[in-house]
Amino acid sequence: MKLLFVGAGKMATAIAGGLVANQVFRADELAAFDVSEKAAAEFTRHTGVACSTADCAGLAAKADNALLAVKPQNLRDAMKAFDGALAGKTVISIVAGVPIAKISELTGSHRVVRVMPNTPALVGCGAAALAKGPEAADSDLELAEKIFSAVGLALKVDEKYLDAVTALSGSGPAYVFAFIQALSDGGVATGLARDTATKLAIRTVLGAAKMAEVTGLHPTVLKDQVTSPGGTTIRALEVLEDRAMTGAVIAAVKAAAERSAELGRG
């Protein structure tokens, strides 16, 4: 078995589904374990990958590598159940806030790669940051990159930056959803029906993000392309600047990074 998913929630399901759909691994090269029968059944239904609710140590013994996708508060108990069966294997962790040193201690493996993904991985548009443990091999990092590239963007960073990543791309979808809602509210305030306003807001954000990605142009350049002298856009941008949108977003990301660091300290 190439990879064992420890935990079969939505993120694990998205990753496994992406691996199978993109032919990175066959379904029979993957397996999963979850204590919840409902989660196990949903995982298998969506991915075609077998998910067990028993004999986790036996499953781990057959696996070349493992991906930890359990809740932080459940990690210690989960690793007790594995009884050292992950020692010496490549362990990739998406457990939020748990540092590499702690993952290594609980699993008995020094080949640890810590990853901060985000929820758009559920639709194949994720953004994940990968941090290699001090004793992990380059091949361990390459495996993690191969896995997360199947569901979006995968970038390598030092572990010390993962709190910043958590605040930016991990929490970031929530900021974007809030902006979409605000755009929609603005449309409704100026007379549009809610359904129409929301569809336009979603497509506007999606299209603008795609333009930034495809063109590679600086956001300021793209912004200026929309902004005619004395026109509607500059009037709107003036209001956003007067109300400190940029400063508010920067402060929000910094606050989220500080909270991430707090949670990581336990």
Protein backbone atom coordinates (compact mmCIF):
# COMPACT_ATOMS: atom_id res chain seq x y z
CA MET A 1 0.00 0.00 0.00
CA LYS A 2 1.44 3.34 -1.06
CA LEU A 3 -0.40 5.64 1.35
CA LEU A 4 -2.61 5.28 4.42
CA PHE A 5 -4.96 8.11 5.37
CA VAL A 6 -5.31 8.36 9.14
CA GLY A 7 -8.65 10.11 9.39
CA ALA A 8 -11.25 10.12 6.63
CA GLY A 9 -12.92 13.51 6.90
CA LYS A 10 -13.67 15.99 4.14
CA MET A 11 -10.08 17.10 3.54
CA ALA A 12 -8.76 13.53 3.44
CA THR A 13 -11.59 12.62 1.08
CA ALA A 14 -10.76 15.54 -1.21
CA ILE A 15 -7.07 14.62 -1.31
CA ALA A 16 -7.68 10.91 -1.92
CA GLY A 17 -10.26 11.70 -4.58
CA GLY A 18 -7.81 14.02 -6.32
CA LEU A 19 -5.06 11.41 -6.25
CA VAL A 20 -7.31 8.81 -7.86
CA ALA A 21 -8.96 11.16 -10.36
CA ASN A 22 -5.58 12.49 -11.53
CA GLN A 23 -4.10 8.98 -11.66
CA VAL A 24 -1.37 9.80 -9.17
CA PHE A 25 -2.26 6.56 -7.38
CA ARG A 26 -4.77 3.81 -8.09
CA ALA A 27 -7.54 3.35 -5.55
CA ASP A 28 -6.10 -0.04 -4.56
CA GLU A 29 -2.77 1.62 -3.71
CA LEU A 30 -4.48 3.71 -1.03
CA ALA A 31 -6.29 2.90 2.20
CA ALA A 32 -7.80 4.82 5.08
CA PHE A 33 -8.69 4.43 8.74
CA ASP A 34 -11.32 6.28 10.74
CA VAL A 35 -13.11 5.43 13.97
CA SER A 36 -16.39 6.74 12.50
CA GLU A 37 -18.32 4.24 10.39
CA LYS A 38 -20.18 7.10 8.73
CA ALA A 39 -16.97 8.92 7.77
CA ALA A 40 -15.45 5.66 6.51
CA ALA A 41 -18.47 4.93 4.32
CA GLU A 42 -18.52 8.45 2.88
CA PHE A 43 -14.79 8.32 2.16
CA THR A 44 -15.14 5.07 0.21
CA ARG A 45 -18.26 6.28 -1.62
CA HIS A 46 -16.51 9.42 -2.89
CA THR A 47 -13.05 7.99 -3.60
CA GLY A 48 -13.40 4.26 -4.25
CA VAL A 49 -10.67 3.71 -1.62
CA ALA A 50 -11.23 1.16 1.14
CA CYS A 51 -11.58 2.67 4.61
CA SER A 52 -11.45 0.53 7.75
CA THR A 53 -12.67 1.21 11.27
CA ALA A 54 -10.58 -1.55 12.84
CA ASP A 55 -6.99 -2.81 13.14
CA CYS A 56 -5.29 0.52 12.50
CA ALA A 57 -1.88 -0.86 13.52
CA GLY A 58 -2.24 -3.70 11.04
CA LEU A 59 -3.10 -1.28 8.27
CA ALA A 60 -0.13 0.92 9.14
CA ALA A 61 2.23 -2.05 9.04
CA LYS A 62 1.27 -2.62 5.39
CA ALA A 63 1.61 1.05 4.38
CA ASP A 64 4.72 2.68 2.93
CA ASN A 65 3.61 6.15 3.99
CA ALA A 66 0.89 7.80 6.08
CA LEU A 67 -1.08 11.03 5.91
CA LEU A 68 -2.40 12.26 9.25
CA ALA A 69 -5.76 14.01 8.89
CA VAL A 70 -7.27 13.82 12.36
CA LYS A 71 -8.40 16.68 14.61
CA PRO A 72 -5.60 18.09 16.79
CA GLN A 73 -7.36 17.14 20.01
CA ASN A 74 -7.63 13.52 18.83
CA LEU A 75 -4.06 13.09 17.61
CA ARG A 76 -2.48 11.78 20.82
CA ASP A 77 -5.14 9.10 21.35
CA ALA A 78 -5.02 8.13 17.69
CA MET A 79 -1.27 7.59 17.79
CA LYS A 80 -1.59 5.48 20.94
CA ALA A 81 -3.91 3.18 19.00
CA PHE A 82 -1.31 2.85 16.24
CA ASP A 83 1.17 1.61 18.84
CA GLY A 84 4.33 2.73 17.05
CA ALA A 85 3.32 1.23 13.70
CA LEU A 86 4.21 4.48 11.90
CA ALA A 87 7.77 4.59 13.16
CA GLY A 88 10.28 4.89 10.33
CA LYS A 89 7.63 5.64 7.70
CA THR A 90 7.12 8.90 5.85
CA VAL A 91 4.46 10.79 7.82
CA ILE A 92 2.71 13.73 6.19
CA SER A 93 0.60 15.74 8.61
CA ILE A 94 -2.23 18.16 7.92
CA VAL A 95 -3.12 18.28 11.63
CA ALA A 96 -3.63 21.98 12.29
CA GLY A 97 -1.24 23.69 14.70
CA VAL A 98 0.81 20.62 15.68
CA PRO A 99 4.53 21.19 15.05
CA ILE A 100 6.85 18.74 13.35
CA ALA A 101 8.67 17.94 16.59
CA LYS A 102 5.40 16.87 18.26
CA ILE A 103 4.34 14.80 15.23
CA SER A 104 7.69 13.04 15.33
CA GLU A 105 7.38 12.39 19.06
CA LEU A 106 3.86 10.94 18.79
CA THR A 107 4.45 8.80 15.69
CA GLY A 108 8.00 7.68 16.34
CA SER A 109 8.95 8.79 12.83
CA HIS A 110 11.60 11.36 12.00
CA ARG A 111 10.53 11.49 8.34
CA VAL A 112 7.84 14.11 8.86
CA VAL A 113 6.45 16.68 6.43
CA ARG A 114 3.93 19.16 7.82
CA VAL A 115 1.38 20.63 5.44
CA MET A 116 -1.11 23.49 5.73
CA PRO A 117 -3.81 22.97 3.07
CA ASN A 118 -7.04 24.90 2.65
CA THR A 119 -10.66 24.02 1.93
CA PRO A 120 -10.68 24.87 -1.82
CA ALA A 121 -8.82 21.56 -2.15
CA LEU A 122 -12.35 20.14 -1.98
CA VAL A 123 -12.90 21.47 -5.51
CA GLY A 124 -9.37 20.89 -6.80
CA CYS A 125 -8.25 24.49 -6.29
CA GLY A 126 -6.35 24.22 -3.02
CA ALA A 127 -3.29 26.11 -1.85
CA ALA A 128 -0.98 24.11 0.39
CA ALA A 129 2.33 24.98 2.05
CA LEU A 130 4.76 22.13 2.77
CA ALA A 131 7.44 22.17 5.46
CA LYS A 132 10.05 19.39 5.65
CA GLY A 133 11.17 18.13 9.04
CA PRO A 134 14.88 18.41 9.88
CA GLU A 135 15.45 14.67 9.46
CA ALA A 136 13.08 14.08 6.56
CA ALA A 137 14.55 13.20 3.18
CA ASP A 138 14.05 15.19 0.00
CA SER A 139 12.04 12.23 -1.28
CA ASP A 140 9.58 12.69 1.62
CA LEU A 141 9.00 16.30 0.59
CA GLU A 142 8.66 15.26 -3.05
CA LEU A 143 5.95 12.76 -2.07
CA ALA A 144 4.03 15.46 -0.21
CA GLU A 145 4.36 17.81 -3.18
CA LYS A 146 3.08 15.08 -5.51
CA ILE A 147 0.06 14.49 -3.27
CA PHE A 148 -1.02 18.09 -2.79
CA SER A 149 -0.34 19.11 -6.38
CA ALA A 150 -3.19 16.72 -7.24
CA VAL A 151 -5.68 19.07 -5.55
CA GLY A 152 -4.17 22.47 -6.27
CA LEU A 153 -1.01 24.48 -5.65
CA ALA A 154 1.78 23.11 -3.43
CA LEU A 155 4.56 25.42 -2.23
CA LYS A 156 7.58 24.63 -0.05
CA VAL A 157 8.22 26.82 3.02
CA ASP A 158 10.15 26.64 6.28
CA GLU A 159 8.04 25.52 9.23
CA LYS A 160 8.47 28.88 10.95
CA TYR A 161 6.24 30.42 8.26
CA LEU A 162 3.30 28.05 8.70
CA ASP A 163 1.50 30.36 11.13
CA ALA A 164 1.59 33.03 8.42
CA VAL A 165 0.39 30.50 5.85
CA THR A 166 -2.44 29.47 8.16
CA ALA A 167 -3.49 33.10 8.50
CA LEU A 168 -3.25 33.85 4.78
CA SER A 169 -4.37 30.81 2.77
CA GLY A 170 -5.67 28.56 5.53
CA SER A 171 -8.13 31.11 6.92
CA GLY A 172 -8.19 33.14 3.71
CA PRO A 173 -11.20 31.46 2.09
CA ALA A 174 -13.33 32.82 4.94
CA TYR A 175 -12.16 36.36 4.16
CA VAL A 176 -13.02 35.86 0.49
CA PHE A 177 -16.46 34.47 1.32
CA ALA A 178 -17.07 37.52 3.50
CA PHE A 179 -16.03 39.77 0.59
CA ILE A 180 -18.34 37.90 -1.79
CA GLN A 181 -21.18 38.41 0.65
CA ALA A 182 -20.34 42.12 0.95
CA LEU A 183 -20.27 42.50 -2.85
CA SER A 184 -23.62 40.77 -3.07
CA ASP A 185 -25.01 43.03 -0.33
CA GLY A 186 -23.80 46.03 -2.30
CA GLY A 187 -25.60 44.77 -5.38
CA VAL A 188 -28.82 44.27 -3.43
CA ALA A 189 -28.45 47.76 -1.92
CA THR A 190 -28.35 49.21 -5.44
CA GLY A 191 -31.41 47.30 -6.66
CA LEU A 192 -30.29 43.86 -7.86
CA ALA A 193 -32.09 40.69 -6.85
CA ARG A 194 -30.12 38.67 -4.28
CA ASP A 195 -29.64 35.64 -6.55
CA THR A 196 -28.37 37.81 -9.39
CA ALA A 197 -26.08 39.83 -7.10
CA THR A 198 -24.56 36.70 -5.54
CA LYS A 199 -23.92 35.00 -8.87
CA LEU A 200 -22.26 38.14 -10.23
CA ALA A 201 -20.16 38.54 -7.07
CA ILE A 202 -18.95 34.94 -7.16
CA ARG A 203 -18.06 35.07 -10.84
CA THR A 204 -16.32 38.42 -10.44
CA VAL A 205 -14.07 37.09 -7.68
CA LEU A 206 -13.42 33.86 -9.58
CA GLY A 207 -12.62 35.67 -12.81
CA ALA A 208 -10.38 38.28 -11.19
CA ALA A 209 -8.41 35.58 -9.38
CA LYS A 210 -8.02 33.64 -12.62
CA MET A 211 -6.76 36.74 -14.43
CA ALA A 212 -4.16 37.32 -11.73
CA GLU A 213 -3.02 33.70 -11.95
CA VAL A 214 -2.97 33.38 -15.73
CA THR A 215 -1.45 36.77 -16.62
CA GLY A 216 1.10 36.84 -13.81
CA LEU A 217 0.69 40.61 -13.68
CA HIS A 218 0.98 42.47 -10.39
CA PRO A 219 -2.43 43.05 -8.77
CA THR A 220 -1.84 46.80 -8.95
CA VAL A 221 -1.39 46.60 -12.73
CA LEU A 222 -4.59 44.59 -13.10
CA LYS A 223 -6.43 47.03 -10.84
CA ASP A 224 -5.26 49.98 -12.94
CA GLN A 225 -6.54 48.26 -16.09
CA VAL A 226 -10.07 48.45 -14.66
CA THR A 227 -9.71 51.99 -13.30
CA SER A 228 -10.51 54.77 -15.76
CA PRO A 229 -9.70 58.41 -14.87
CA GLY A 230 -12.67 59.97 -13.12
CA GLY A 231 -14.75 56.83 -13.53
CA THR A 232 -16.83 54.57 -11.35
CA THR A 233 -14.04 52.26 -10.20
CA ILE A 234 -11.76 54.98 -8.84
CA ARG A 235 -14.70 56.43 -6.93
CA ALA A 236 -15.33 53.03 -5.32
CA LEU A 237 -11.64 52.46 -4.57
CA GLU A 238 -11.50 55.85 -2.90
CA VAL A 239 -14.24 54.76 -0.51
CA LEU A 240 -12.47 51.48 0.25
CA GLU A 241 -9.23 53.34 0.95
CA ASP A 242 -10.99 55.92 3.14
CA ARG A 243 -12.38 53.03 5.17
CA ALA A 244 -8.97 51.36 5.43
CA MET A 245 -9.72 48.12 3.63
CA THR A 246 -6.03 47.35 3.04
CA GLY A 247 -5.09 48.04 6.64
CA ALA A 248 -8.03 46.00 7.92
CA VAL A 249 -7.06 42.96 5.83
CA ILE A 250 -3.41 43.17 6.91
CA ALA A 251 -4.47 43.45 10.54
CA ALA A 252 -6.80 40.48 10.14
CA VAL A 253 -4.05 38.27 8.71
CA LYS A 254 -1.66 39.31 11.49
CA ALA A 255 -4.29 38.56 14.13
CA ALA A 256 -4.93 35.12 12.65
CA ALA A 257 -1.18 34.38 12.56
CA GLU A 258 -0.85 35.36 16.21
CA ARG A 259 -3.75 33.09 17.13
CA SER A 260 -2.23 30.23 15.14
CA ALA A 261 1.00 30.61 17.10
CA GLU A 262 -0.94 30.60 20.36
CA LEU A 263 -2.74 27.40 19.45
CA GLY A 264 0.53 25.78 18.38
CA ARG A 265 1.96 26.44 21.85
CA GLY A 266 -0.88 24.44 23.29
